[in-house]
Each structure stands twice: as C-alpha cells, then as structure tokens.
C-alpha cells in the first residue's frame, strides 16, 4: 500500500500553498472574483495548507497550518511567521507532531490562553494541545473531521463532520453541557456535500457566516460561504456564495481571517491527463 501511495504522489505531484486574499468580505459575499497573493517560500520537500490566523502585527502574520512533509508522507502542525508586506515566509516552528497525520489546526482561546485543536484521524478523540505540543484536554471522544469550536452563540459548541463520511452531507453539532462536557446536540443534513467545515465562523455586519467545503465531485473543490442563524433551537445554514478556485488551481478549501488579513489555501497537481484522472478517481469518495 505504501509503495502504491508513493507511486501515486510521484505521478500527480500534488502540492498546496497559503494565499492572502486582497478581495474584501463585502465583495466576496456579493460574488466578485477573488484576488489572491500566494505565500513565497523556498521549501521543496513540503507544502502548507489549512491556514488559521493566530496573530497579526504591523510587520508579520502568524499562522497555524498543516505542514505536509513529502518524505514522511504525513502532516504536522506548524506555526508560520509571514512578512505582512511581501508575503514571504520568514520562520516556521513545529507545534504538534505525531507518528501519524495531523491537519486543520484551529486556534482555540480559553481563559486568555491559546491552544490548538487539530484534526487527528488516527485518534478516537478530539482535543486541544498547548504551544509546547502537550495534550491538554479531550473535548469529544470520537474521530471528528475538520472540527470548529465557536462561542458565538449562547454557549460553546463544536461543529464537525465525522468518519466514515467526513465530506458528506451530515454536520454534527456538540454543545457544552452543565458538567463541562461536549455532547451531541443536533445533526443537520445538507442538500449536497457541503457539511464539512472550511474554517472559523466569522461575523460580518452583525451576521454570522460559516465557510464550508464543497465536496460534491472532489474533496475540497471549492468553498461555500453560509449564513448561520439560530431559530427555535435549530441552526439554519443558507448559501450566500460558492467560491471556486482561480484558473490553474483544482481546489480551494479553507478560508480564515483576523482583522484585515484573510487567508485561503490552494491545491495544485501536475497538469496532465493521467494526473487528473488518478486524482479524481482517488478523491471522488473522500
């Protein structure tokens, strides 16, 4: 199996990179084209995806990302420092690394302390780590995929898809109960495969939005921005904008922001027919 995976990777030459969006949120929501400046770096043995903004200063942007190492064929969680003006990667440090794959590193702030909550498919739990990579606490005793924690509503909740259908139509909602445990509160079934999170919930002009991944044909083929409301004890998700990747890119599956900084990730493969056929075959059922 490992040999087949290595042959597949050599054929398609898959890569991801972090992009900084120049288009305003207002323009994105009304359907205007997205303008992206891609991060500049010199690494050839790894790629970067799933960006979350941790901090922004006058000079730098700090991100949590999935750093996928080609030689080891797995992701780890890294913190990147990017020059705000030039978008050049200045520094990187490893935050969390396991023997298997980690991704989607959402920053979670609890009692003024920032933790990271990554997806860990090889674990039967969802939890948080500190900045030293130490495991702190379990939130949900189940394998969740691209989970997002938010306290934008009346109490903290976690929204997530789960195995064995991480890119399907069902979104699970977990609510923090009186005993400080996250328990399943509800499930929402979407009309198509747009249940999987694509980033943090965000507020714009008093309304709450959720970036979601479009996975109808391929995993992470685009983003769906949904307006989120809470009515009569149920969450309602209404499509506002479906965002497709710019020309030459086959995927766009994360959108996050802080202040005036907005980040996405872009997905490339080798531009030939065999690469595309293999990629679509392998990813159509993710």
C-alpha atoms as a PDB file:
ATOM      1  CA  UNK A   1       0.000   0.000   0.000  1.00  0.00           C
ATOM      2  CA  UNK A   2       2.826   2.419   0.876  1.00  0.00           C
ATOM      3  CA  UNK A   3       4.536   1.699  -2.455  1.00  0.00           C
ATOM      4  CA  UNK A   4       1.291   2.438  -4.362  1.00  0.00           C
ATOM      5  CA  UNK A   5       0.818   5.704  -2.468  1.00  0.00           C
ATOM      6  CA  UNK A   6       4.376   6.786  -3.291  1.00  0.00           C
ATOM      7  CA  UNK A   7       3.858   5.987  -7.000  1.00  0.00           C
ATOM      8  CA  UNK A   8       0.598   7.972  -6.955  1.00  0.00           C
ATOM      9  CA  UNK A   9       2.289  11.015  -5.363  1.00  0.00           C
ATOM     10  CA  UNK A  10       5.121  10.962  -7.901  1.00  0.00           C
ATOM     11  CA  UNK A  11       2.662  10.874 -10.797  1.00  0.00           C
ATOM     12  CA  UNK A  12       0.362  13.681  -9.712  1.00  0.00           C
ATOM     13  CA  UNK A  13       2.972  15.879  -7.910  1.00  0.00           C
ATOM     14  CA  UNK A  14       0.374  17.275  -5.543  1.00  0.00           C
ATOM     15  CA  UNK A  15       1.003  20.493  -3.608  1.00  0.00           C
ATOM     16  CA  UNK A  16      -0.799  23.137  -1.561  1.00  0.00           C
ATOM     17  CA  UNK A  17       0.123  26.688  -0.630  1.00  0.00           C
ATOM     18  CA  UNK A  18      -1.192  29.508   1.525  1.00  0.00           C
ATOM     19  CA  UNK A  19      -2.774  32.533  -0.151  1.00  0.00           C
ATOM     20  CA  UNK A  20      -3.607  36.013   1.136  1.00  0.00           C
ATOM     21  CA  UNK A  21      -6.876  37.443  -0.152  1.00  0.00           C
ATOM     22  CA  UNK A  22      -6.958  41.043  -1.418  1.00  0.00           C
ATOM     23  CA  UNK A  23     -10.722  40.981  -2.057  1.00  0.00           C
ATOM     24  CA  UNK A  24     -12.934  42.488   0.664  1.00  0.00           C
ATOM     25  CA  UNK A  25     -15.511  40.391   2.508  1.00  0.00           C
ATOM     26  CA  UNK A  26     -18.287  42.578   1.057  1.00  0.00           C
ATOM     27  CA  UNK A  27     -17.073  41.831  -2.462  1.00  0.00           C
ATOM     28  CA  UNK A  28     -16.675  38.118  -1.757  1.00  0.00           C
ATOM     29  CA  UNK A  29     -20.218  37.847  -0.418  1.00  0.00           C
ATOM     30  CA  UNK A  30     -21.757  39.531  -3.469  1.00  0.00           C
ATOM     31  CA  UNK A  31     -19.921  37.301  -5.939  1.00  0.00           C
ATOM     32  CA  UNK A  32     -16.932  39.325  -7.124  1.00  0.00           C
ATOM     33  CA  UNK A  33     -13.804  37.440  -8.188  1.00  0.00           C
ATOM     34  CA  UNK A  34     -11.230  36.550  -5.578  1.00  0.00           C
ATOM     35  CA  UNK A  35      -7.755  38.102  -5.766  1.00  0.00           C
ATOM     36  CA  UNK A  36      -5.015  36.081  -4.080  1.00  0.00           C
ATOM     37  CA  UNK A  37      -1.324  36.697  -3.389  1.00  0.00           C
ATOM     38  CA  UNK A  38       0.423  33.389  -2.721  1.00  0.00           C
ATOM     39  CA  UNK A  39       2.966  32.913   0.038  1.00  0.00           C
ATOM     40  CA  UNK A  40       6.577  32.801  -1.144  1.00  0.00           C
ATOM     41  CA  UNK A  41       8.905  30.154   0.292  1.00  0.00           C
ATOM     42  CA  UNK A  42      11.878  28.044  -0.769  1.00  0.00           C
ATOM     43  CA  UNK A  43      10.823  24.633   0.571  1.00  0.00           C
ATOM     44  CA  UNK A  44      10.671  21.807  -1.969  1.00  0.00           C
ATOM     45  CA  UNK A  45      10.238  18.918   0.469  1.00  0.00           C
ATOM     46  CA  UNK A  46       6.905  20.015   1.955  1.00  0.00           C
ATOM     47  CA  UNK A  47       3.758  22.004   1.379  1.00  0.00           C
ATOM     48  CA  UNK A  48       1.402  24.050   3.553  1.00  0.00           C
ATOM     49  CA  UNK A  49      -2.407  24.006   3.869  1.00  0.00           C
ATOM     50  CA  UNK A  50      -5.305  24.607   6.320  1.00  0.00           C
ATOM     51  CA  UNK A  51      -4.219  28.121   7.427  1.00  0.00           C
ATOM     52  CA  UNK A  52      -5.656  29.715  10.582  1.00  0.00           C
ATOM     53  CA  UNK A  53      -4.625  33.240  11.617  1.00  0.00           C
ATOM     54  CA  UNK A  54      -3.198  33.358  15.146  1.00  0.00           C
ATOM     55  CA  UNK A  55      -1.816  36.910  15.324  1.00  0.00           C
ATOM     56  CA  UNK A  56      -1.300  39.975  13.145  1.00  0.00           C
ATOM     57  CA  UNK A  57       1.184  42.788  13.804  1.00  0.00           C
ATOM     58  CA  UNK A  58       2.280  45.742  11.702  1.00  0.00           C
ATOM     59  CA  UNK A  59       5.121  43.625  10.299  1.00  0.00           C
ATOM     60  CA  UNK A  60       4.071  39.966  10.473  1.00  0.00           C
ATOM     61  CA  UNK A  61       1.240  37.463  10.149  1.00  0.00           C
ATOM     62  CA  UNK A  62       1.380  34.337  12.327  1.00  0.00           C
ATOM     63  CA  UNK A  63      -0.494  31.245  11.131  1.00  0.00           C
ATOM     64  CA  UNK A  64      -1.194  27.737  12.334  1.00  0.00           C
ATOM     65  CA  UNK A  65      -1.030  25.395   9.323  1.00  0.00           C
ATOM     66  CA  UNK A  66      -0.821  21.792   8.271  1.00  0.00           C
ATOM     67  CA  UNK A  67       2.763  21.235   7.155  1.00  0.00           C
ATOM     68  CA  UNK A  68       2.856  18.126   4.971  1.00  0.00           C
ATOM     69  CA  UNK A  69       6.309  16.554   4.735  1.00  0.00           C
ATOM     70  CA  UNK A  70       6.712  14.653   1.470  1.00  0.00           C
ATOM     71  CA  UNK A  71       9.383  12.245   2.700  1.00  0.00           C
ATOM     72  CA  UNK A  72       7.337  11.178   5.721  1.00  0.00           C
ATOM     73  CA  UNK A  73       4.004  11.416   3.843  1.00  0.00           C
ATOM     74  CA  UNK A  74       2.167  12.932   6.792  1.00  0.00           C
ATOM     75  CA  UNK A  75       1.121  16.279   8.153  1.00  0.00           C
ATOM     76  CA  UNK A  76       2.144  18.010  11.360  1.00  0.00           C
ATOM     77  CA  UNK A  77       1.023  21.289  12.899  1.00  0.00           C
ATOM     78  CA  UNK A  78       3.376  24.227  12.404  1.00  0.00           C
ATOM     79  CA  UNK A  79       3.350  27.930  13.175  1.00  0.00           C
ATOM     80  CA  UNK A  80       4.462  30.146  10.295  1.00  0.00           C
ATOM     81  CA  UNK A  81       5.612  33.747  10.507  1.00  0.00           C
ATOM     82  CA  UNK A  82       4.971  35.558   7.216  1.00  0.00           C
ATOM     83  CA  UNK A  83       6.090  39.064   6.270  1.00  0.00           C
ATOM     84  CA  UNK A  84       2.890  41.095   6.054  1.00  0.00           C
ATOM     85  CA  UNK A  85       4.102  43.320   3.210  1.00  0.00           C
ATOM     86  CA  UNK A  86       5.925  40.852   0.955  1.00  0.00           C
ATOM     87  CA  UNK A  87       4.113  37.597   1.905  1.00  0.00           C
ATOM     88  CA  UNK A  88       7.495  35.872   2.255  1.00  0.00           C
ATOM     89  CA  UNK A  89       7.754  33.047   4.794  1.00  0.00           C
ATOM     90  CA  UNK A  90      10.211  34.241   7.447  1.00  0.00           C
ATOM     91  CA  UNK A  91      10.136  31.441  10.005  1.00  0.00           C
ATOM     92  CA  UNK A  92       8.441  28.171  10.933  1.00  0.00           C
ATOM     93  CA  UNK A  93       8.303  26.076  14.093  1.00  0.00           C
ATOM     94  CA  UNK A  94       6.683  22.721  14.791  1.00  0.00           C
ATOM     95  CA  UNK A  95       3.834  22.965  17.301  1.00  0.00           C
ATOM     96  CA  UNK A  96       2.376  19.421  17.366  1.00  0.00           C
ATOM     97  CA  UNK A  97       3.714  16.270  15.717  1.00  0.00           C
ATOM     98  CA  UNK A  98       2.544  12.675  15.986  1.00  0.00           C
ATOM     99  CA  UNK A  99       3.552   9.427  14.325  1.00  0.00           C
ATOM    100  CA  UNK A 100       0.551   9.795  12.009  1.00  0.00           C
ATOM    101  CA  UNK A 101      -1.262  12.590  10.186  1.00  0.00           C
ATOM    102  CA  UNK A 102      -2.453  15.887  11.717  1.00  0.00           C
ATOM    103  CA  UNK A 103      -4.270  18.733   9.948  1.00  0.00           C
ATOM    104  CA  UNK A 104      -6.824  21.579  10.288  1.00  0.00           C
ATOM    105  CA  UNK A 105      -5.229  23.297  13.327  1.00  0.00           C
ATOM    106  CA  UNK A 106      -7.919  25.607  14.704  1.00  0.00           C
ATOM    107  CA  UNK A 107      -6.685  28.014  17.413  1.00  0.00           C
ATOM    108  CA  UNK A 108      -8.956  27.881  20.468  1.00  0.00           C
ATOM    109  CA  UNK A 109      -8.749  30.597  23.136  1.00  0.00           C
ATOM    110  CA  UNK A 110      -9.836  29.539  26.623  1.00  0.00           C
ATOM    111  CA  UNK A 111      -9.301  31.806  29.655  1.00  0.00           C
ATOM    112  CA  UNK A 112      -6.979  34.044  27.603  1.00  0.00           C
ATOM    113  CA  UNK A 113      -4.731  31.123  26.649  1.00  0.00           C
ATOM    114  CA  UNK A 114      -4.386  29.992  23.030  1.00  0.00           C
ATOM    115  CA  UNK A 115      -4.465  26.257  22.326  1.00  0.00           C
ATOM    116  CA  UNK A 116      -4.579  24.353  19.046  1.00  0.00           C
ATOM    117  CA  UNK A 117      -7.311  21.833  18.173  1.00  0.00           C
ATOM    118  CA  UNK A 118      -6.149  19.752  15.181  1.00  0.00           C
ATOM    119  CA  UNK A 119      -7.859  17.003  13.251  1.00  0.00           C
ATOM    120  CA  UNK A 120      -6.255  13.680  14.181  1.00  0.00           C
ATOM    121  CA  UNK A 121      -7.754  10.866  12.131  1.00  0.00           C
ATOM    122  CA  UNK A 122      -5.645   8.246  13.895  1.00  0.00           C
ATOM    123  CA  UNK A 123      -7.133   9.137  17.286  1.00  0.00           C
ATOM    124  CA  UNK A 124     -10.518   8.319  18.746  1.00  0.00           C
ATOM    125  CA  UNK A 125     -10.812  11.772  20.292  1.00  0.00           C
ATOM    126  CA  UNK A 126     -10.855  15.498  19.571  1.00  0.00           C
ATOM    127  CA  UNK A 127      -8.899  17.688  21.953  1.00  0.00           C
ATOM    128  CA  UNK A 128      -6.552  20.611  22.449  1.00  0.00           C
ATOM    129  CA  UNK A 129      -2.773  20.953  22.732  1.00  0.00           C
ATOM    130  CA  UNK A 130      -0.691  23.728  24.229  1.00  0.00           C
ATOM    131  CA  UNK A 131       2.074  25.556  22.383  1.00  0.00           C
ATOM    132  CA  UNK A 132       4.625  23.010  23.633  1.00  0.00           C
ATOM    133  CA  UNK A 133       2.735  20.227  21.869  1.00  0.00           C
ATOM    134  CA  UNK A 134       1.401  18.710  25.096  1.00  0.00           C
ATOM    135  CA  UNK A 135      -2.081  17.204  25.033  1.00  0.00           C
ATOM    136  CA  UNK A 136      -4.300  19.134  27.469  1.00  0.00           C
ATOM    137  CA  UNK A 137      -7.914  18.041  27.278  1.00  0.00           C
ATOM    138  CA  UNK A 138     -10.388  15.887  25.353  1.00  0.00           C
ATOM    139  CA  UNK A 139     -13.499  17.645  24.064  1.00  0.00           C
ATOM    140  CA  UNK A 140     -15.208  14.777  22.194  1.00  0.00           C
ATOM    141  CA  UNK A 141     -14.387  11.074  22.439  1.00  0.00           C
ATOM    142  CA  UNK A 142     -14.873  10.418  18.746  1.00  0.00           C
ATOM    143  CA  UNK A 143     -12.939  10.869  15.488  1.00  0.00           C
ATOM    144  CA  UNK A 144     -14.160  14.196  14.137  1.00  0.00           C
ATOM    145  CA  UNK A 145     -13.028  15.775  10.863  1.00  0.00           C
ATOM    146  CA  UNK A 146     -12.216  19.487  10.398  1.00  0.00           C
ATOM    147  CA  UNK A 147     -13.966  20.364  13.660  1.00  0.00           C
ATOM    148  CA  UNK A 148     -14.592  24.012  14.570  1.00  0.00           C
ATOM    149  CA  UNK A 149     -15.096  25.358  18.080  1.00  0.00           C
ATOM    150  CA  UNK A 150     -17.133  28.559  18.467  1.00  0.00           C
ATOM    151  CA  UNK A 151     -18.636  30.580  21.293  1.00  0.00           C
ATOM    152  CA  UNK A 152     -20.555  32.962  19.019  1.00  0.00           C
ATOM    153  CA  UNK A 153     -23.879  31.571  20.205  1.00  0.00           C
ATOM    154  CA  UNK A 154     -25.324  31.185  23.714  1.00  0.00           C
ATOM    155  CA  UNK A 155     -22.806  28.542  24.821  1.00  0.00           C
ATOM    156  CA  UNK A 156     -19.630  26.981  23.336  1.00  0.00           C
ATOM    157  CA  UNK A 157     -20.232  24.460  20.580  1.00  0.00           C
ATOM    158  CA  UNK A 158     -18.257  22.271  18.215  1.00  0.00           C
ATOM    159  CA  UNK A 159     -19.446  21.790  14.623  1.00  0.00           C
ATOM    160  CA  UNK A 160     -17.966  18.887  12.683  1.00  0.00           C
ATOM    161  CA  UNK A 161     -18.360  16.059  10.231  1.00  0.00           C
ATOM    162  CA  UNK A 162     -17.083  12.638  11.240  1.00  0.00           C
ATOM    163  CA  UNK A 163     -15.860   9.320   9.948  1.00  0.00           C
ATOM    164  CA  UNK A 164     -16.732   7.361   7.861  1.00  0.00           C
ATOM    165  CA  UNK A 165     -18.240  10.217   5.774  1.00  0.00           C
ATOM    166  CA  UNK A 166     -16.059  13.257   6.508  1.00  0.00           C
ATOM    167  CA  UNK A 167     -17.012  15.040   3.275  1.00  0.00           C
ATOM    168  CA  UNK A 168     -20.670  14.105   3.179  1.00  0.00           C
ATOM    169  CA  UNK A 169     -23.965  15.865   3.889  1.00  0.00           C
ATOM    170  CA  UNK A 170     -24.228  15.491   7.681  1.00  0.00           C
ATOM    171  CA  UNK A 171     -22.955  18.117  10.126  1.00  0.00           C
ATOM    172  CA  UNK A 172     -22.848  17.209  13.815  1.00  0.00           C
ATOM    173  CA  UNK A 173     -23.283  19.881  16.500  1.00  0.00           C
ATOM    174  CA  UNK A 174     -21.910  19.354  20.012  1.00  0.00           C
ATOM    175  CA  UNK A 175     -22.879  21.634  22.905  1.00  0.00           C
ATOM    176  CA  UNK A 176     -21.056  22.221  26.195  1.00  0.00           C
ATOM    177  CA  UNK A 177     -23.320  20.957  28.974  1.00  0.00           C
ATOM    178  CA  UNK A 178     -23.579  21.855  32.665  1.00  0.00           C
ATOM    179  CA  UNK A 179     -20.903  19.272  33.518  1.00  0.00           C
ATOM    180  CA  UNK A 180     -18.482  20.909  31.041  1.00  0.00           C
ATOM    181  CA  UNK A 181     -18.726  18.073  28.518  1.00  0.00           C
ATOM    182  CA  UNK A 182     -19.413  18.440  24.804  1.00  0.00           C
ATOM    183  CA  UNK A 183     -22.452  16.304  23.993  1.00  0.00           C
ATOM    184  CA  UNK A 184     -24.198  15.790  20.669  1.00  0.00           C
ATOM    185  CA  UNK A 185     -26.977  18.367  20.426  1.00  0.00           C
ATOM    186  CA  UNK A 186     -28.180  18.046  16.849  1.00  0.00           C
ATOM    187  CA  UNK A 187     -27.348  16.978  13.314  1.00  0.00           C
ATOM    188  CA  UNK A 188     -28.012  18.972  10.150  1.00  0.00           C
ATOM    189  CA  UNK A 189     -28.426  17.285   6.757  1.00  0.00           C
ATOM    190  CA  UNK A 190     -27.450  19.432   3.777  1.00  0.00           C
ATOM    191  CA  UNK A 191     -28.834  19.112   0.254  1.00  0.00           C
ATOM    192  CA  UNK A 192     -25.381  18.400  -1.139  1.00  0.00           C
ATOM    193  CA  UNK A 193     -21.903  17.642   0.162  1.00  0.00           C
ATOM    194  CA  UNK A 194     -21.226  20.970   1.884  1.00  0.00           C
ATOM    195  CA  UNK A 195     -21.311  19.881   5.526  1.00  0.00           C
ATOM    196  CA  UNK A 196     -17.533  19.841   6.091  1.00  0.00           C
ATOM    197  CA  UNK A 197     -16.062  22.971   7.701  1.00  0.00           C
ATOM    198  CA  UNK A 198     -13.740  25.189   5.704  1.00  0.00           C
ATOM    199  CA  UNK A 199     -12.621  27.487   8.512  1.00  0.00           C
ATOM    200  CA  UNK A 200     -13.705  29.501  11.514  1.00  0.00           C
ATOM    201  CA  UNK A 201     -17.168  31.008  11.788  1.00  0.00           C
ATOM    202  CA  UNK A 202     -16.927  34.771  11.335  1.00  0.00           C
ATOM    203  CA  UNK A 203     -19.117  37.817  11.944  1.00  0.00           C
ATOM    204  CA  UNK A 204     -19.677  40.479   9.287  1.00  0.00           C
ATOM    205  CA  UNK A 205     -22.065  43.395   9.722  1.00  0.00           C
ATOM    206  CA  UNK A 206     -23.804  41.666  12.599  1.00  0.00           C
ATOM    207  CA  UNK A 207     -24.385  38.342  10.849  1.00  0.00           C
ATOM    208  CA  UNK A 208     -22.615  35.010  11.394  1.00  0.00           C
ATOM    209  CA  UNK A 209     -21.092  33.117   8.469  1.00  0.00           C
ATOM    210  CA  UNK A 210     -19.514  29.679   8.085  1.00  0.00           C
ATOM    211  CA  UNK A 211     -17.012  28.721   5.383  1.00  0.00           C
ATOM    212  CA  UNK A 212     -17.808  25.175   4.259  1.00  0.00           C
ATOM    213  CA  UNK A 213     -16.082  22.879   1.799  1.00  0.00           C
ATOM    214  CA  UNK A 214     -17.738  21.916  -1.460  1.00  0.00           C
ATOM    215  CA  UNK A 215     -17.089  18.189  -1.933  1.00  0.00           C
ATOM    216  CA  UNK A 216     -19.718  17.183  -4.497  1.00  0.00           C
ATOM    217  CA  UNK A 217     -17.301  15.990  -7.176  1.00  0.00           C
ATOM    218  CA  UNK A 218     -13.949  16.157  -5.387  1.00  0.00           C
ATOM    219  CA  UNK A 219     -12.749  16.730  -1.838  1.00  0.00           C
ATOM    220  CA  UNK A 220     -12.157  20.446  -1.229  1.00  0.00           C
ATOM    221  CA  UNK A 221     -13.052  21.542  -4.760  1.00  0.00           C
ATOM    222  CA  UNK A 222     -14.282  24.951  -3.559  1.00  0.00           C
ATOM    223  CA  UNK A 223     -15.805  26.917  -0.705  1.00  0.00           C
ATOM    224  CA  UNK A 224     -19.411  27.633   0.206  1.00  0.00           C
ATOM    225  CA  UNK A 225     -19.981  30.630   2.469  1.00  0.00           C
ATOM    226  CA  UNK A 226     -23.137  30.073   4.508  1.00  0.00           C
ATOM    227  CA  UNK A 227     -25.119  32.493   6.651  1.00  0.00           C
ATOM    228  CA  UNK A 228     -25.814  30.881  10.051  1.00  0.00           C
ATOM    229  CA  UNK A 229     -28.856  31.656  12.188  1.00  0.00           C
ATOM    230  CA  UNK A 230     -30.243  30.017  15.327  1.00  0.00           C
ATOM    231  CA  UNK A 231     -34.023  29.783  15.284  1.00  0.00           C
ATOM    232  CA  UNK A 232     -36.298  27.831  17.610  1.00  0.00           C
ATOM    233  CA  UNK A 233     -33.440  25.756  18.950  1.00  0.00           C
ATOM    234  CA  UNK A 234     -32.171  24.776  15.479  1.00  0.00           C
ATOM    235  CA  UNK A 235     -29.286  26.049  13.362  1.00  0.00           C
ATOM    236  CA  UNK A 236     -30.125  27.201   9.833  1.00  0.00           C
ATOM    237  CA  UNK A 237     -27.448  27.390   7.123  1.00  0.00           C
ATOM    238  CA  UNK A 238     -28.196  29.437   3.981  1.00  0.00           C
ATOM    239  CA  UNK A 239     -25.839  29.574   0.999  1.00  0.00           C
ATOM    240  CA  UNK A 240     -24.569  33.087   0.284  1.00  0.00           C
ATOM    241  CA  UNK A 241     -21.660  32.468  -2.097  1.00  0.00           C
ATOM    242  CA  UNK A 242     -19.993  29.496  -3.758  1.00  0.00           C
ATOM    243  CA  UNK A 243     -16.349  30.271  -4.291  1.00  0.00           C
ATOM    244  CA  UNK A 244     -14.482  28.336  -6.968  1.00  0.00           C
ATOM    245  CA  UNK A 245     -10.676  28.302  -7.258  1.00  0.00           C
ATOM    246  CA  UNK A 246      -8.915  30.623  -9.712  1.00  0.00           C
ATOM    247  CA  UNK A 247      -7.785  29.247 -13.055  1.00  0.00           C
ATOM    248  CA  UNK A 248      -4.992  26.689 -12.820  1.00  0.00           C
ATOM    249  CA  UNK A 249      -5.913  25.571  -9.291  1.00  0.00           C
ATOM    250  CA  UNK A 250      -8.028  22.478  -8.641  1.00  0.00           C
ATOM    251  CA  UNK A 251      -9.030  23.124  -5.037  1.00  0.00           C
ATOM    252  CA  UNK A 252      -9.738  25.849  -2.501  1.00  0.00           C
ATOM    253  CA  UNK A 253     -10.919  24.523   0.861  1.00  0.00           C
ATOM    254  CA  UNK A 254     -10.006  26.855   3.739  1.00  0.00           C
ATOM    255  CA  UNK A 255     -10.937  30.483   4.487  1.00  0.00           C
ATOM    256  CA  UNK A 256      -9.959  32.244   7.701  1.00  0.00           C
ATOM    257  CA  UNK A 257      -9.408  35.827   8.788  1.00  0.00           C
ATOM    258  CA  UNK A 258      -8.309  38.208  11.518  1.00  0.00           C
ATOM    259  CA  UNK A 259      -8.713  41.959  11.161  1.00  0.00           C
ATOM    260  CA  UNK A 260      -7.761  42.937   7.615  1.00  0.00           C
ATOM    261  CA  UNK A 261      -5.947  39.640   6.932  1.00  0.00           C
ATOM    262  CA  UNK A 262      -7.793  36.890   5.052  1.00  0.00           C
ATOM    263  CA  UNK A 263      -6.155  33.574   4.166  1.00  0.00           C
ATOM    264  CA  UNK A 264      -7.025  30.632   1.930  1.00  0.00           C
ATOM    265  CA  UNK A 265      -5.183  27.586   0.608  1.00  0.00           C
ATOM    266  CA  UNK A 266      -4.811  26.486  -2.994  1.00  0.00           C
ATOM    267  CA  UNK A 267      -4.376  22.978  -4.400  1.00  0.00           C
ATOM    268  CA  UNK A 268      -2.312  22.068  -7.459  1.00  0.00           C
ATOM    269  CA  UNK A 269      -1.443  18.833  -9.268  1.00  0.00           C
ATOM    270  CA  UNK A 270       0.752  18.159 -12.306  1.00  0.00           C
ATOM    271  CA  UNK A 271      -1.044  19.462 -15.389  1.00  0.00           C
ATOM    272  CA  UNK A 272      -1.569  16.350 -17.486  1.00  0.00           C
ATOM    273  CA  UNK A 273      -4.450  13.993 -18.222  1.00  0.00           C
ATOM    274  CA  UNK A 274      -3.135  10.980 -16.269  1.00  0.00           C
ATOM    275  CA  UNK A 275      -2.626  13.074 -13.128  1.00  0.00           C
ATOM    276  CA  UNK A 276      -6.157  14.440 -13.273  1.00  0.00           C
ATOM    277  CA  UNK A 277      -7.735  11.007 -13.899  1.00  0.00           C
ATOM    278  CA  UNK A 278      -5.847   9.442 -10.975  1.00  0.00           C
ATOM    279  CA  UNK A 279      -6.594  12.368  -8.683  1.00  0.00           C
ATOM    280  CA  UNK A 280     -10.315  12.433  -9.441  1.00  0.00           C
ATOM    281  CA  UNK A 281     -10.574   8.640  -9.025  1.00  0.00           C
ATOM    282  CA  UNK A 282      -8.822   8.655  -5.650  1.00  0.00           C
ATOM    283  CA  UNK A 283     -10.572  11.714  -4.230  1.00  0.00           C
ATOM    284  CA  UNK A 284     -14.143  11.418  -5.513  1.00  0.00           C
ATOM    285  CA  UNK A 285     -15.307   9.382  -2.489  1.00  0.00           C
ATOM    286  CA  UNK A 286     -13.403  11.162   0.284  1.00  0.00           C
END
